Amino acid sequence: MGVTGIIPAYNDEANIHDVIKKAGLYVDNIVVVDDGSTDSTAYIAEKMDAHVVKHNEHKGKMETLRTAFKYSQQFGNGPVIIINADDLYDPDAIPKLITPVMWSEADAVVGYNDYPGAGLNRDLQSLIDAAPYLDSDGKYLSKYLSENIGFTAFSSLSTAALTFTEDSLPEELCLVKDALNAGFKLKEVNVRKVHERNTDAFYKYKIGVVVPAYNEEKLIRTTIGGIPAYIKRIYVINDASTDRTAEVLGSINDPRLFVITHEQNQGVGAAIKHGYKRALQEDMDIVVVMGGDNQMNPAHLPGLLMPIIEGKADYTKGNRLSCDEFRCGMSSWRLLGNNMLSLVTKIGSGYWHIMDPQNGYTAISKHALSNIGIDSLYTYYGYCNDMLVKLNTFGFRTLDVTMPAHYGEEKSSIKYGRYMSKVSVMLFRKFLWRLKVKYSVMSFHPLIFFYVFGMLFLPVGVLTGLYILLSGLLTGWPVPASLPLVGALFFIAGLQMILFAMLFDMRECYKTMGTNL
């Protein structure tokens, strides 16, 4: 008799991966009903081998639960537990809800976080009865319950009594009410919240969003419309668009919107730089970058903002490469290019823990932004790699935030061959600049000698080997007996020096992050 976890989901790509992963530790089958999501929720769930049922349109949570319970019948007579896709509650509590059902102690088990009202002492059934009415603080109990009910479990017998009829209660408690009305036993257990859904903390900070836009007439309105209310300012940089982008921006009625127009196209890096400067002038505490092509889901904003607010990082960025489930829609060529540039950027920037450096969904603190010298920011698409080099040079902490790739109607203008060659050359120059400034000017570290001599010795060893090989194959000229030994010596010494330099550089990186290698 297996346990089935059902997850009603709607545009929950930000959390669905973690919810399924955690729930899978405690249940035998996972059913995800995607209620007409427009993001990557269903794709991620399918990649994680969950049973996925898709609604063609958004029908609401109660209909989603109806679909999920019906689908779960194929798994037999085991308990069914509702797991919300918001990842607010501790999944370690799932056994606490399943056990009473398995041992026939109850047919419906509700996990709650807390009861409302100071000194209010009621059982759950009385709260259900009182939910449509105001409590002593003038708030509807139904709203409070919806924010504090975690997991809900049902026996196979009680599921037959569920009518899936909505009233003033949260959907889960409507089902509990059905079970109670049918005479089934109820049990309540405490479930700890591990996250908070509300975004009240963000209103305490001045958070600005920089939106570079070039020929985004189709998507710029949707992008701006999706930016949450806790964002104080939206800086859109129209980088000399040749379509109707300016006209669309002029028609958007949002008091937070500030448009900067470039008369000539200057590149995405220059657009972001000008947005950053304006944000600093207006004293923004945190500045986020979101593309104007609607690729960057606002649901991931809390994940980028919280590490900065909590003092864990100065700069956060998205990472789409951490697992297969998050690479949805990313072509093999694009994935290969990203992996190659990740390696090159690790070496160039000195941030060895960072992946997916081309992800432009970022957030930065005012302190970091004011002290990295944004005037010299690279103006081509490699600006994000340049940012990482600058941040490491001046000792700021960076953090990856996992999120899925998202591609829709947008059209990329990037030519990947040209892009990778230009960015690689830029990174090499910035790498040398970082070594000079960080390990010679601002402080001193002997790793600079390891890098310099390694970069001299290794090519000498390689060229000597090629000379010996080509001399033997093409000319047949005799090669001095000592030359192979000399070439091998230079090659091995150069390789070892570079590896030692990387090790020292890595140690400095983890020292900056406050962790051990």
Protein backbone atom coordinates (compact mmCIF):
# COMPACT_ATOMS: atom_id res chain seq x y z
CA MET A 1 0.00 0.00 0.00
CA GLY A 2 1.95 3.00 -1.29
CA VAL A 3 1.63 6.65 -0.35
CA THR A 4 0.74 9.10 -3.12
CA GLY A 5 1.70 12.75 -2.97
CA ILE A 6 -0.35 15.10 -5.13
CA ILE A 7 0.99 18.53 -6.03
CA PRO A 8 -1.36 21.13 -7.56
CA ALA A 9 0.85 23.53 -9.51
CA TYR A 10 0.41 26.74 -11.45
CA ASN A 11 3.44 28.69 -12.69
CA ASP A 12 5.56 27.21 -9.91
CA GLU A 13 8.83 26.63 -11.78
CA ALA A 14 10.71 28.49 -9.04
CA ASN A 15 9.87 25.82 -6.43
CA ILE A 16 8.61 22.66 -8.12
CA HIS A 17 12.04 21.04 -8.43
CA ASP A 18 12.78 21.26 -4.70
CA VAL A 19 9.24 20.26 -3.71
CA ILE A 20 9.34 17.07 -5.80
CA LYS A 21 12.87 16.22 -4.68
CA LYS A 22 12.00 16.57 -0.99
CA ALA A 23 8.60 14.87 -1.23
CA GLY A 24 10.14 11.93 -3.06
CA LEU A 25 11.94 10.96 0.15
CA TYR A 26 8.62 10.16 1.86
CA VAL A 27 6.05 9.14 -0.76
CA ASP A 28 5.95 6.32 -3.30
CA ASN A 29 4.20 8.15 -6.14
CA ILE A 30 4.11 11.84 -7.02
CA VAL A 31 1.31 13.29 -9.14
CA VAL A 32 1.74 16.85 -10.39
CA VAL A 33 -1.30 18.48 -11.97
CA ASP A 34 -0.17 21.48 -13.98
CA ASP A 35 -3.08 23.91 -14.08
CA GLY A 36 -2.34 25.55 -17.43
CA SER A 37 1.04 27.00 -16.45
CA THR A 38 2.80 29.30 -18.90
CA ASP A 39 6.26 28.61 -17.50
CA SER A 40 8.44 25.48 -17.23
CA THR A 41 6.59 23.83 -14.33
CA ALA A 42 5.39 20.78 -16.28
CA TYR A 43 8.72 20.27 -18.06
CA ILE A 44 10.66 20.22 -14.80
CA ALA A 45 8.18 17.83 -13.17
CA GLU A 46 8.38 15.46 -16.14
CA LYS A 47 12.18 15.49 -16.08
CA MET A 48 12.01 14.48 -12.42
CA ASP A 49 9.88 11.42 -13.31
CA ALA A 50 6.74 12.65 -11.60
CA HIS A 51 3.35 11.65 -13.01
CA VAL A 52 2.28 14.86 -14.76
CA VAL A 53 -1.29 15.70 -15.76
CA LYS A 54 -1.77 18.92 -17.72
CA HIS A 55 -4.81 21.16 -17.86
CA ASN A 56 -5.12 22.96 -21.19
CA GLU A 57 -6.32 26.06 -19.38
CA HIS A 58 -6.20 27.47 -15.86
CA LYS A 59 -9.13 25.94 -13.95
CA GLY A 60 -8.31 26.80 -10.35
CA LYS A 61 -6.96 24.84 -7.42
CA MET A 62 -10.12 22.87 -6.59
CA GLU A 63 -10.41 21.46 -10.10
CA THR A 64 -6.70 20.70 -9.99
CA LEU A 65 -7.20 18.72 -6.79
CA ARG A 66 -10.16 16.87 -8.33
CA THR A 67 -7.96 15.83 -11.26
CA ALA A 68 -5.13 14.79 -8.94
CA PHE A 69 -7.30 12.63 -6.66
CA LYS A 70 -8.91 10.94 -9.64
CA TYR A 71 -5.50 10.17 -11.16
CA SER A 72 -4.16 8.86 -7.85
CA GLN A 73 -6.78 6.08 -7.77
CA GLN A 74 -4.64 4.00 -10.12
CA PHE A 75 -2.04 3.58 -7.37
CA GLY A 76 -4.34 1.58 -5.08
CA ASN A 77 -5.78 2.18 -1.62
CA GLY A 78 -2.87 3.95 0.05
CA PRO A 79 -3.01 7.35 1.76
CA VAL A 80 -3.02 10.50 -0.35
CA ILE A 81 -1.28 13.66 0.83
CA ILE A 82 -1.67 17.14 -0.66
CA ILE A 83 1.67 18.92 -1.00
CA ASN A 84 1.58 22.55 -2.07
CA ALA A 85 4.08 23.66 -4.69
CA ASP A 86 5.12 26.79 -2.78
CA ASP A 87 7.83 24.98 -0.73
CA LEU A 88 6.80 26.82 2.44
CA TYR A 89 6.62 23.86 4.81
CA ASP A 90 9.14 21.40 6.18
CA PRO A 91 8.86 18.14 4.16
CA ASP A 92 10.24 16.19 7.12
CA ALA A 93 6.75 16.58 8.62
CA ILE A 94 5.14 14.41 5.92
CA PRO A 95 5.54 11.17 7.95
CA LYS A 96 3.72 12.87 10.86
CA LEU A 97 0.64 13.19 8.65
CA ILE A 98 0.88 9.80 6.97
CA THR A 99 1.40 7.72 10.13
CA PRO A 100 -2.05 8.37 11.72
CA VAL A 101 -3.72 7.35 8.45
CA MET A 102 -1.59 4.23 8.06
CA TRP A 103 -2.40 3.15 11.65
CA SER A 104 -6.13 3.94 11.26
CA GLU A 105 -5.98 6.64 13.93
CA ALA A 106 -7.57 9.17 11.57
CA ASP A 107 -8.96 9.44 8.06
CA ALA A 108 -8.03 13.09 7.53
CA VAL A 109 -4.91 14.72 8.96
CA VAL A 110 -4.21 18.45 8.74
CA GLY A 111 -0.81 20.02 9.26
CA TYR A 112 -1.02 23.60 10.52
CA ASN A 113 1.61 26.19 11.28
CA ASP A 114 -0.19 28.14 14.00
CA TYR A 115 -3.63 29.20 15.15
CA PRO A 116 -4.76 32.82 14.77
CA GLY A 117 -5.40 35.35 17.49
CA ALA A 118 -3.65 35.92 20.78
CA GLY A 119 -4.81 33.31 23.26
CA LEU A 120 -7.40 31.94 20.84
CA ASN A 121 -8.01 28.31 21.80
CA ARG A 122 -10.13 26.44 19.30
CA ASP A 123 -9.93 23.08 17.65
CA LEU A 124 -9.75 22.90 13.89
CA GLN A 125 -13.40 21.97 13.44
CA SER A 126 -14.57 25.07 15.30
CA LEU A 127 -12.19 27.16 13.19
CA ILE A 128 -13.66 25.65 10.04
CA ASP A 129 -17.14 26.57 11.25
CA ALA A 130 -16.01 30.11 12.09
CA ALA A 131 -13.92 30.69 8.97
CA PRO A 132 -16.44 32.90 7.11
CA TYR A 133 -16.62 35.23 10.12
CA LEU A 134 -14.28 37.84 11.53
CA ASP A 135 -11.93 36.92 14.36
CA SER A 136 -11.15 39.15 17.36
CA ASP A 137 -8.59 41.12 15.31
CA GLY A 138 -11.06 41.89 12.53
CA LYS A 139 -9.52 39.47 10.04
CA TYR A 140 -11.27 36.63 8.26
CA LEU A 141 -10.18 33.30 9.70
CA SER A 142 -10.40 31.72 6.24
CA LYS A 143 -7.60 33.98 4.99
CA TYR A 144 -5.46 33.15 8.00
CA LEU A 145 -6.08 29.44 7.58
CA SER A 146 -5.12 29.55 3.91
CA GLU A 147 -1.76 31.04 4.89
CA ASN A 148 -1.07 28.58 7.70
CA ILE A 149 -2.31 25.19 6.53
CA GLY A 150 0.52 23.00 5.31
CA PHE A 151 0.15 19.40 4.18
CA THR A 152 -3.18 17.54 4.29
CA ALA A 153 -3.49 13.74 4.22
CA PHE A 154 -6.51 11.51 3.54
CA SER A 155 -7.20 7.80 3.81
CA SER A 156 -8.48 5.97 0.74
CA LEU A 157 -11.88 5.59 2.46
CA SER A 158 -12.28 9.31 3.11
CA THR A 159 -11.39 10.29 -0.47
CA ALA A 160 -14.69 8.76 -1.61
CA ALA A 161 -16.52 11.39 0.45
CA LEU A 162 -14.79 14.38 -1.14
CA THR A 163 -17.19 16.55 -3.16
CA PHE A 164 -14.65 19.16 -4.35
CA THR A 165 -17.17 21.91 -3.64
CA GLU A 166 -15.74 25.37 -2.97
CA ASP A 167 -16.90 27.70 -0.21
CA SER A 168 -15.20 30.37 1.91
CA LEU A 169 -12.57 27.92 3.19
CA PRO A 170 -9.18 27.19 1.65
CA GLU A 171 -9.50 24.31 -0.82
CA GLU A 172 -7.74 21.77 1.41
CA LEU A 173 -10.08 22.53 4.30
CA CYS A 174 -13.12 22.22 2.03
CA LEU A 175 -12.03 18.63 1.52
CA VAL A 176 -11.42 18.17 5.25
CA LYS A 177 -14.92 19.50 5.88
CA ASP A 178 -16.31 16.91 3.46
CA ALA A 179 -14.54 14.16 5.38
CA LEU A 180 -15.85 15.48 8.72
CA ASN A 181 -19.41 15.74 7.43
CA ALA A 182 -19.17 12.11 6.30
CA GLY A 183 -18.23 11.06 9.83
CA PHE A 184 -14.53 10.43 9.36
CA LYS A 185 -12.02 11.07 12.13
CA LEU A 186 -9.80 14.17 12.03
CA LYS A 187 -6.34 14.63 13.51
CA GLU A 188 -4.26 17.81 13.66
CA VAL A 189 -0.45 17.96 13.73
CA ASN A 190 1.95 20.87 13.84
CA VAL A 191 3.95 21.55 10.67
CA ARG A 192 6.85 23.99 10.73
CA LYS A 193 7.10 26.72 8.11
CA VAL A 194 10.57 26.94 6.59
CA HIS A 195 9.81 29.90 4.31
CA GLU A 196 7.39 32.79 4.26
CA ARG A 197 5.24 33.57 1.27
CA ASN A 198 4.81 37.26 2.00
CA THR A 199 7.18 39.80 0.51
CA ASP A 200 6.77 42.47 3.20
CA ALA A 201 10.52 42.50 3.88
CA PHE A 202 11.23 43.74 0.36
CA TYR A 203 9.16 46.90 0.87
CA LYS A 204 11.69 48.05 3.48
CA TYR A 205 14.35 48.44 0.77
CA LYS A 206 14.65 50.60 -2.31
CA ILE A 207 14.92 47.98 -5.03
CA GLY A 208 15.35 49.00 -8.65
CA VAL A 209 15.16 46.91 -11.81
CA VAL A 210 17.25 47.72 -14.89
CA VAL A 211 15.68 46.49 -18.14
CA PRO A 212 17.85 46.76 -21.28
CA ALA A 213 15.63 46.72 -24.36
CA TYR A 214 16.43 46.53 -28.06
CA ASN A 215 13.56 45.89 -30.48
CA GLU A 216 11.32 44.38 -27.81
CA GLU A 217 7.97 45.81 -28.93
CA LYS A 218 6.22 42.43 -28.49
CA LEU A 219 7.50 41.57 -25.03
CA ILE A 220 8.43 44.76 -23.17
CA ARG A 221 4.89 45.43 -21.90
CA THR A 222 4.58 41.87 -20.54
CA THR A 223 8.02 42.13 -18.93
CA ILE A 224 7.21 45.38 -17.11
CA GLY A 225 3.72 44.21 -16.19
CA GLY A 226 5.15 41.18 -14.39
CA ILE A 227 7.51 43.13 -12.12
CA PRO A 228 6.19 42.92 -8.52
CA ALA A 229 4.85 45.87 -6.56
CA TYR A 230 7.75 45.85 -4.07
CA ILE A 231 10.07 47.09 -6.82
CA LYS A 232 10.40 50.87 -6.31
CA ARG A 233 11.80 51.83 -9.73
CA ILE A 234 11.99 50.32 -13.22
CA TYR A 235 14.73 51.69 -15.48
CA VAL A 236 14.15 50.73 -19.11
CA ILE A 237 17.04 51.55 -21.43
CA ASN A 238 15.80 51.73 -25.02
CA ASP A 239 19.03 51.01 -26.89
CA ALA A 240 18.09 52.77 -30.16
CA SER A 241 15.36 50.29 -31.05
CA THR A 242 14.17 50.43 -34.67
CA ASP A 243 10.72 48.96 -33.99
CA ARG A 244 7.80 50.26 -31.87
CA THR A 245 9.54 49.72 -28.51
CA ALA A 246 9.56 53.47 -27.72
CA GLU A 247 5.87 53.78 -28.60
CA VAL A 248 4.93 50.83 -26.40
CA LEU A 249 6.97 52.23 -23.50
CA GLY A 250 5.22 55.58 -23.88
CA SER A 251 1.83 53.89 -23.54
CA ILE A 252 2.66 52.07 -20.28
CA ASN A 253 1.05 53.76 -17.28
CA ASP A 254 3.36 52.77 -14.43
CA PRO A 255 4.67 55.54 -12.14
CA ARG A 256 7.75 53.43 -11.36
CA LEU A 257 8.88 53.50 -14.99
CA PHE A 258 11.86 55.63 -16.01
CA VAL A 259 12.95 55.39 -19.65
CA ILE A 260 16.48 56.16 -20.85
CA THR A 261 16.81 56.41 -24.63
CA HIS A 262 20.01 55.87 -26.61
CA GLU A 263 20.16 57.69 -29.93
CA GLN A 264 22.64 55.09 -31.21
CA ASN A 265 22.86 51.41 -30.36
CA GLN A 266 25.59 51.02 -27.74
CA GLY A 267 25.22 47.38 -26.71
CA VAL A 268 23.56 45.63 -23.80
CA GLY A 269 26.50 46.26 -21.46
CA ALA A 270 26.32 50.00 -22.05
CA ALA A 271 22.54 49.95 -21.54
CA ILE A 272 22.91 48.18 -18.19
CA LYS A 273 25.73 50.53 -17.18
CA HIS A 274 23.51 53.57 -17.75
CA GLY A 275 20.70 51.91 -15.80
CA TYR A 276 23.10 51.18 -12.93
CA LYS A 277 24.26 54.80 -12.86
CA ARG A 278 20.70 56.09 -12.69
CA ALA A 279 19.89 53.63 -9.90
CA LEU A 280 22.88 54.86 -7.90
CA GLN A 281 21.79 58.47 -8.42
CA GLU A 282 18.41 57.55 -6.95
CA ASP A 283 20.08 55.71 -4.05
CA MET A 284 18.68 52.24 -4.71
CA ASP A 285 19.71 49.67 -2.08
CA ILE A 286 19.62 46.73 -4.50
CA VAL A 287 19.60 46.78 -8.30
CA VAL A 288 18.30 43.87 -10.36
CA VAL A 289 18.84 43.28 -14.08
CA MET A 290 15.99 41.71 -16.05
CA GLY A 291 16.00 41.40 -19.83
CA GLY A 292 13.25 43.07 -21.83
CA ASP A 293 12.48 39.80 -23.63
CA ASN A 294 10.43 38.27 -20.78
CA GLN A 295 12.88 35.38 -20.33
CA MET A 296 13.38 36.16 -16.64
CA ASN A 297 10.56 34.97 -14.40
CA PRO A 298 9.77 37.49 -11.61
CA ALA A 299 9.00 34.51 -9.34
CA HIS A 300 12.77 34.09 -8.94
CA LEU A 301 13.29 37.63 -7.62
CA PRO A 302 13.03 36.64 -3.93
CA GLY A 303 15.74 34.03 -4.47
CA LEU A 304 18.06 36.71 -5.85
CA LEU A 305 17.20 39.35 -3.27
CA MET A 306 17.21 37.43 0.02
CA PRO A 307 20.94 36.49 0.07
CA ILE A 308 21.79 40.19 -0.32
CA ILE A 309 19.26 41.32 2.29
CA GLU A 310 20.50 38.64 4.72
CA GLY A 311 24.13 39.70 4.17
CA LYS A 312 25.18 36.39 2.60
CA ALA A 313 26.18 37.88 -0.76
CA ASP A 314 26.87 41.17 -2.52
CA TYR A 315 25.90 39.89 -5.98
CA THR A 316 23.54 37.08 -6.96
CA LYS A 317 22.89 35.58 -10.38
CA GLY A 318 20.85 32.86 -11.99
CA ASN A 319 22.23 29.42 -12.75
CA ARG A 320 20.48 27.23 -15.35
CA LEU A 321 23.19 24.57 -15.56
CA SER A 322 23.04 22.98 -12.11
CA CYS A 323 20.79 20.09 -13.19
CA ASP A 324 19.14 18.65 -16.30
CA GLU A 325 15.66 19.72 -15.21
CA PHE A 326 16.59 23.40 -15.47
CA ARG A 327 17.97 23.26 -19.01
CA CYS A 328 14.56 23.16 -20.67
CA GLY A 329 14.62 24.64 -24.16
CA MET A 330 18.41 25.09 -24.17
CA SER A 331 19.93 23.73 -27.39
CA SER A 332 22.94 21.41 -27.29
CA TRP A 333 25.07 24.06 -28.99
CA ARG A 334 23.99 26.70 -26.49
CA LEU A 335 24.63 24.32 -23.59
CA LEU A 336 28.11 23.46 -24.90
CA GLY A 337 28.94 27.14 -25.30
CA ASN A 338 27.71 27.93 -21.80
CA ASN A 339 29.76 25.12 -20.28
CA MET A 340 32.90 26.23 -22.11
CA LEU A 341 32.43 29.86 -21.08
CA SER A 342 31.73 28.72 -17.50
CA LEU A 343 35.17 27.11 -17.37
CA VAL A 344 36.90 30.10 -18.97
CA THR A 345 35.08 32.51 -16.65
CA LYS A 346 35.99 30.48 -13.55
CA ILE A 347 39.66 30.93 -14.46
CA GLY A 348 39.32 34.52 -15.61
CA SER A 349 37.18 35.80 -12.74
CA GLY A 350 38.60 33.67 -9.93
CA TYR A 351 35.08 32.65 -8.84
CA TRP A 352 35.50 28.89 -8.97
CA HIS A 353 32.05 28.14 -7.52
CA ILE A 354 30.15 30.10 -10.18
CA MET A 355 28.38 28.44 -13.13
CA ASP A 356 26.38 29.81 -16.07
CA PRO A 357 28.18 33.18 -16.22
CA GLN A 358 26.11 34.21 -19.24
CA ASN A 359 22.94 34.34 -17.16
CA GLY A 360 22.01 38.01 -17.06
CA TYR A 361 19.37 37.70 -14.33
CA THR A 362 21.30 39.33 -11.49
CA ALA A 363 21.02 41.44 -8.35
CA ILE A 364 23.72 43.60 -6.77
CA SER A 365 23.95 45.62 -3.56
CA LYS A 366 24.50 49.38 -3.61
CA HIS A 367 27.81 48.92 -1.78
CA ALA A 368 29.20 46.56 -4.41
CA LEU A 369 27.85 48.58 -7.33
CA SER A 370 29.44 51.76 -5.98
CA ASN A 371 32.88 50.22 -5.62
CA ILE A 372 33.61 48.15 -8.73
CA GLY A 373 34.10 50.92 -11.28
CA ILE A 374 31.14 50.42 -13.62
CA ASP A 375 32.37 53.15 -15.99
CA SER A 376 34.72 50.61 -17.57
CA LEU A 377 32.08 47.86 -17.83
CA TYR A 378 32.32 45.86 -21.07
CA THR A 379 29.60 47.05 -23.45
CA TYR A 380 29.14 43.86 -25.51
CA TYR A 381 27.25 40.77 -24.33
CA GLY A 382 30.22 39.73 -22.18
CA TYR A 383 29.37 42.43 -19.61
CA CYS A 384 28.24 39.73 -17.14
CA ASN A 385 31.66 38.03 -17.33
CA ASP A 386 33.35 41.39 -16.83
CA MET A 387 31.16 42.05 -13.78
CA LEU A 388 32.37 38.82 -12.18
CA VAL A 389 36.02 39.76 -12.76
CA LYS A 390 35.47 43.18 -11.18
CA LEU A 391 33.57 41.77 -8.21
CA ASN A 392 36.29 39.23 -7.43
CA THR A 393 39.06 41.80 -7.82
CA PHE A 394 37.49 44.01 -5.17
CA GLY A 395 36.61 41.17 -2.81
CA PHE A 396 32.82 40.92 -3.11
CA ARG A 397 30.84 37.74 -2.46
CA THR A 398 28.82 36.19 -5.28
CA LEU A 399 26.18 33.48 -5.16
CA ASP A 400 24.43 31.33 -7.76
CA VAL A 401 20.65 30.95 -7.56
CA THR A 402 19.30 27.91 -9.40
CA MET A 403 16.50 28.56 -11.88
CA PRO A 404 15.29 26.97 -15.12
CA ALA A 405 16.06 28.29 -18.57
CA HIS A 406 13.11 30.05 -20.16
CA TYR A 407 12.74 30.66 -23.87
CA GLY A 408 9.61 31.85 -25.60
CA GLU A 409 8.85 34.33 -28.38
CA GLU A 410 12.15 36.20 -28.06
CA LYS A 411 14.72 36.02 -30.86
CA SER A 412 18.39 36.03 -29.97
CA SER A 413 20.67 38.24 -32.07
CA ILE A 414 23.83 36.60 -30.72
CA LYS A 415 26.21 34.96 -33.20
CA TYR A 416 27.74 32.32 -30.96
CA GLY A 417 31.07 31.80 -32.74
CA ARG A 418 31.85 35.51 -32.80
CA TYR A 419 30.46 35.95 -29.29
CA MET A 420 32.64 33.24 -27.72
CA SER A 421 35.79 34.46 -29.44
CA LYS A 422 35.26 38.09 -28.39
CA VAL A 423 34.34 37.21 -24.82
CA SER A 424 37.30 34.81 -24.46
CA VAL A 425 39.75 37.50 -25.60
CA MET A 426 38.14 40.03 -23.26
CA LEU A 427 38.32 37.56 -20.37
CA PHE A 428 42.02 36.94 -20.93
CA ARG A 429 42.73 40.68 -20.81
CA LYS A 430 40.56 41.10 -17.71
CA PHE A 431 42.24 38.07 -16.13
CA LEU A 432 45.65 39.74 -16.47
CA TRP A 433 44.18 42.97 -15.11
CA ARG A 434 42.75 41.09 -12.11
CA LEU A 435 46.11 39.47 -11.33
CA LYS A 436 47.81 42.84 -11.48
CA VAL A 437 45.29 44.77 -9.37
CA LYS A 438 44.31 42.11 -6.82
CA TYR A 439 47.62 40.33 -6.28
CA SER A 440 50.12 43.08 -7.03
CA VAL A 441 48.60 46.53 -6.45
CA MET A 442 45.96 46.04 -3.74
CA SER A 443 47.91 43.29 -1.97
CA PHE A 444 50.58 40.74 -2.81
CA HIS A 445 50.35 37.01 -3.34
CA PRO A 446 53.06 34.77 -4.86
CA LEU A 447 50.48 33.05 -7.07
CA ILE A 448 51.09 35.84 -9.58
CA PHE A 449 54.59 34.39 -10.17
CA PHE A 450 53.16 30.91 -10.60
CA TYR A 451 50.72 32.20 -13.22
CA VAL A 452 53.33 34.29 -15.07
CA PHE A 453 56.02 31.61 -15.24
CA GLY A 454 53.43 28.91 -15.92
CA MET A 455 52.08 30.87 -18.89
CA LEU A 456 55.65 31.24 -20.19
CA PHE A 457 56.92 27.69 -19.59
CA LEU A 458 53.84 25.78 -20.79
CA PRO A 459 53.81 27.23 -24.34
CA VAL A 460 57.59 26.70 -24.60
CA GLY A 461 57.10 23.02 -23.73
CA VAL A 462 54.24 22.63 -26.22
CA LEU A 463 56.12 24.39 -29.03
CA THR A 464 59.23 22.30 -28.37
CA GLY A 465 57.19 19.12 -28.63
CA LEU A 466 55.60 20.29 -31.89
CA TYR A 467 59.03 21.18 -33.28
CA ILE A 468 60.37 17.71 -32.45
CA LEU A 469 57.29 16.03 -33.98
CA LEU A 470 57.28 18.07 -37.18
CA SER A 471 61.06 17.81 -37.63
CA GLY A 472 60.87 14.03 -37.51
CA LEU A 473 57.84 13.75 -39.81
CA LEU A 474 58.54 16.41 -42.43
CA THR A 475 62.30 16.88 -42.67
CA GLY A 476 63.88 13.85 -41.03
CA TRP A 477 66.47 16.12 -39.46
CA PRO A 478 68.14 14.70 -36.37
CA VAL A 479 66.89 16.10 -33.06
CA PRO A 480 69.35 16.70 -30.19
CA ALA A 481 68.92 13.99 -27.55
CA SER A 482 68.44 16.57 -24.82
CA LEU A 483 65.70 18.51 -26.61
CA PRO A 484 62.78 16.15 -25.73
CA LEU A 485 63.88 16.26 -22.09
CA VAL A 486 64.04 20.06 -22.14
CA GLY A 487 60.60 20.26 -23.77
CA ALA A 488 59.09 17.84 -21.25
CA LEU A 489 60.68 19.78 -18.38
CA PHE A 490 59.21 23.08 -19.55
CA PHE A 491 55.79 21.48 -20.17
CA ILE A 492 55.57 19.75 -16.78
CA ALA A 493 56.94 22.75 -14.88
CA GLY A 494 54.56 25.13 -16.65
CA LEU A 495 51.55 22.89 -16.08
CA GLN A 496 52.37 22.44 -12.39
CA MET A 497 52.85 26.17 -11.89
CA ILE A 498 49.49 26.97 -13.48
CA LEU A 499 47.74 24.30 -11.41
CA PHE A 500 49.32 25.61 -8.21
CA ALA A 501 48.34 29.15 -9.17
CA MET A 502 44.74 28.01 -9.72
CA LEU A 503 44.76 26.26 -6.35
CA PHE A 504 45.97 29.41 -4.57
CA ASP A 505 43.43 31.49 -6.49
CA MET A 506 40.68 29.07 -5.49
CA ARG A 507 41.69 29.32 -1.84
CA GLU A 508 41.45 33.12 -2.04
CA CYS A 509 37.99 32.79 -3.60
CA TYR A 510 36.67 30.58 -0.81
CA LYS A 511 38.30 32.83 1.77
CA THR A 512 36.29 35.73 0.31
CA MET A 513 33.11 33.64 0.46
CA GLY A 514 33.87 32.67 4.06
CA THR A 515 34.05 28.93 3.33
CA ASN A 516 36.78 26.31 3.34
CA LEU A 517 38.23 24.77 0.19
